[in-house]
């Protein structure tokens, strides 16, 4: 991992960071490390509906408990039904 270390005048940072009073008008040491944020994908209901039609998911249909839902219902319909039930929409 690469790091950067620099001693600078705190006045350079006053418009970037809220510095404590003790840091004002003094030399400060800055140490920086790279940060990688792994973003989790956010799927839309249309993408989830599409995903449920994949062969892998379709192969699970017989393994899951059946419900009284009609066969042509999609994930959006189920979600809306559950939300309406939970929040009495």
C-alpha atoms as a PDB file:
ATOM      1  CA  UNK A   1       0.000   0.000   0.000  1.00  0.00           C
ATOM      2  CA  UNK A   2       1.273   3.440  -0.874  1.00  0.00           C
ATOM      3  CA  UNK A   3       1.062   6.267   1.653  1.00  0.00           C
ATOM      4  CA  UNK A   4       1.868   9.956   1.451  1.00  0.00           C
ATOM      5  CA  UNK A   5       3.268  11.902   4.397  1.00  0.00           C
ATOM      6  CA  UNK A   6       3.691  15.684   4.320  1.00  0.00           C
ATOM      7  CA  UNK A   7       4.194  18.451   6.868  1.00  0.00           C
ATOM      8  CA  UNK A   8       2.338  21.616   5.838  1.00  0.00           C
ATOM      9  CA  UNK A   9       1.056  24.862   7.309  1.00  0.00           C
ATOM     10  CA  UNK A  10      -2.458  24.383   8.685  1.00  0.00           C
ATOM     11  CA  UNK A  11      -3.688  27.492   6.856  1.00  0.00           C
ATOM     12  CA  UNK A  12      -3.667  25.412   3.656  1.00  0.00           C
ATOM     13  CA  UNK A  13      -6.352  23.185   5.157  1.00  0.00           C
ATOM     14  CA  UNK A  14      -8.618  25.787   6.755  1.00  0.00           C
ATOM     15  CA  UNK A  15     -11.018  25.846   3.759  1.00  0.00           C
ATOM     16  CA  UNK A  16     -10.980  22.071   3.441  1.00  0.00           C
ATOM     17  CA  UNK A  17     -11.313  20.803   7.018  1.00  0.00           C
ATOM     18  CA  UNK A  18     -12.784  22.116  10.242  1.00  0.00           C
ATOM     19  CA  UNK A  19      -9.577  22.269  12.221  1.00  0.00           C
ATOM     20  CA  UNK A  20      -9.484  22.378  16.016  1.00  0.00           C
ATOM     21  CA  UNK A  21      -8.286  25.671  17.439  1.00  0.00           C
ATOM     22  CA  UNK A  22      -5.068  24.010  18.614  1.00  0.00           C
ATOM     23  CA  UNK A  23      -4.131  23.321  14.980  1.00  0.00           C
ATOM     24  CA  UNK A  24      -4.557  26.868  13.661  1.00  0.00           C
ATOM     25  CA  UNK A  25      -1.428  28.711  12.523  1.00  0.00           C
ATOM     26  CA  UNK A  26       0.797  25.695  13.123  1.00  0.00           C
ATOM     27  CA  UNK A  27       2.595  23.108  11.071  1.00  0.00           C
ATOM     28  CA  UNK A  28       0.591  19.889  10.808  1.00  0.00           C
ATOM     29  CA  UNK A  29       1.459  16.470   9.530  1.00  0.00           C
ATOM     30  CA  UNK A  30      -0.797  14.960   6.887  1.00  0.00           C
ATOM     31  CA  UNK A  31      -0.759  11.221   6.217  1.00  0.00           C
ATOM     32  CA  UNK A  32      -2.851   9.890   3.337  1.00  0.00           C
ATOM     33  CA  UNK A  33      -3.712   6.343   2.382  1.00  0.00           C
ATOM     34  CA  UNK A  34      -5.682   5.281  -0.675  1.00  0.00           C
ATOM     35  CA  UNK A  35      -9.187   4.086   0.083  1.00  0.00           C
ATOM     36  CA  UNK A  36     -11.188   1.801  -2.127  1.00  0.00           C
ATOM     37  CA  UNK A  37     -14.903   1.775  -1.620  1.00  0.00           C
ATOM     38  CA  UNK A  38     -16.639  -1.283  -2.912  1.00  0.00           C
ATOM     39  CA  UNK A  39     -20.024  -0.146  -4.061  1.00  0.00           C
ATOM     40  CA  UNK A  40     -22.858  -2.601  -3.744  1.00  0.00           C
ATOM     41  CA  UNK A  41     -25.012  -2.680  -6.839  1.00  0.00           C
ATOM     42  CA  UNK A  42     -28.519  -1.358  -6.409  1.00  0.00           C
ATOM     43  CA  UNK A  43     -30.942  -3.356  -8.469  1.00  0.00           C
ATOM     44  CA  UNK A  44     -34.204  -1.991  -9.759  1.00  0.00           C
ATOM     45  CA  UNK A  45     -37.351  -4.063  -9.457  1.00  0.00           C
ATOM     46  CA  UNK A  46     -37.227  -4.602 -13.238  1.00  0.00           C
ATOM     47  CA  UNK A  47     -33.704  -6.044 -12.897  1.00  0.00           C
ATOM     48  CA  UNK A  48     -34.843  -8.288 -10.043  1.00  0.00           C
ATOM     49  CA  UNK A  49     -37.809  -9.473 -12.120  1.00  0.00           C
ATOM     50  CA  UNK A  50     -35.423 -10.256 -14.974  1.00  0.00           C
ATOM     51  CA  UNK A  51     -33.068 -12.092 -12.602  1.00  0.00           C
ATOM     52  CA  UNK A  52     -35.915 -14.294 -11.354  1.00  0.00           C
ATOM     53  CA  UNK A  53     -36.421 -15.510 -14.931  1.00  0.00           C
ATOM     54  CA  UNK A  54     -32.879 -16.902 -15.225  1.00  0.00           C
ATOM     55  CA  UNK A  55     -32.513 -20.697 -15.572  1.00  0.00           C
ATOM     56  CA  UNK A  56     -30.749 -20.926 -12.201  1.00  0.00           C
ATOM     57  CA  UNK A  57     -33.618 -19.303 -10.343  1.00  0.00           C
ATOM     58  CA  UNK A  58     -36.272 -21.080 -12.399  1.00  0.00           C
ATOM     59  CA  UNK A  59     -34.671 -24.406 -11.427  1.00  0.00           C
ATOM     60  CA  UNK A  60     -35.412 -23.591  -7.783  1.00  0.00           C
ATOM     61  CA  UNK A  61     -39.122 -23.164  -8.341  1.00  0.00           C
ATOM     62  CA  UNK A  62     -39.932 -26.771  -7.495  1.00  0.00           C
ATOM     63  CA  UNK A  63     -37.752 -26.648  -4.392  1.00  0.00           C
ATOM     64  CA  UNK A  64     -39.557 -23.699  -2.855  1.00  0.00           C
ATOM     65  CA  UNK A  65     -42.845 -23.813  -1.003  1.00  0.00           C
ATOM     66  CA  UNK A  66     -45.675 -22.832  -3.312  1.00  0.00           C
ATOM     67  CA  UNK A  67     -48.139 -20.114  -2.410  1.00  0.00           C
ATOM     68  CA  UNK A  68     -51.568 -19.122  -3.617  1.00  0.00           C
ATOM     69  CA  UNK A  69     -50.064 -16.473  -5.884  1.00  0.00           C
ATOM     70  CA  UNK A  70     -50.938 -16.645  -9.578  1.00  0.00           C
ATOM     71  CA  UNK A  71     -48.155 -18.001 -11.839  1.00  0.00           C
ATOM     72  CA  UNK A  72     -47.856 -14.758 -13.834  1.00  0.00           C
ATOM     73  CA  UNK A  73     -47.146 -12.558 -10.782  1.00  0.00           C
ATOM     74  CA  UNK A  74     -43.788 -10.769 -10.727  1.00  0.00           C
ATOM     75  CA  UNK A  75     -41.515  -9.555  -7.938  1.00  0.00           C
ATOM     76  CA  UNK A  76     -42.884  -6.000  -8.164  1.00  0.00           C
ATOM     77  CA  UNK A  77     -46.396  -7.278  -7.510  1.00  0.00           C
ATOM     78  CA  UNK A  78     -45.212  -9.268  -4.488  1.00  0.00           C
ATOM     79  CA  UNK A  79     -43.277  -6.304  -3.142  1.00  0.00           C
ATOM     80  CA  UNK A  80     -46.236  -3.956  -3.536  1.00  0.00           C
ATOM     81  CA  UNK A  81     -48.535  -6.467  -1.861  1.00  0.00           C
ATOM     82  CA  UNK A  82     -46.181  -6.870   1.116  1.00  0.00           C
ATOM     83  CA  UNK A  83     -45.696  -3.104   1.466  1.00  0.00           C
ATOM     84  CA  UNK A  84     -49.441  -2.506   1.322  1.00  0.00           C
ATOM     85  CA  UNK A  85     -49.961  -5.146   3.991  1.00  0.00           C
ATOM     86  CA  UNK A  86     -47.192  -3.839   6.240  1.00  0.00           C
ATOM     87  CA  UNK A  87     -48.026  -0.150   5.944  1.00  0.00           C
ATOM     88  CA  UNK A  88     -51.759  -0.519   5.259  1.00  0.00           C
ATOM     89  CA  UNK A  89     -51.457   1.413   1.986  1.00  0.00           C
END
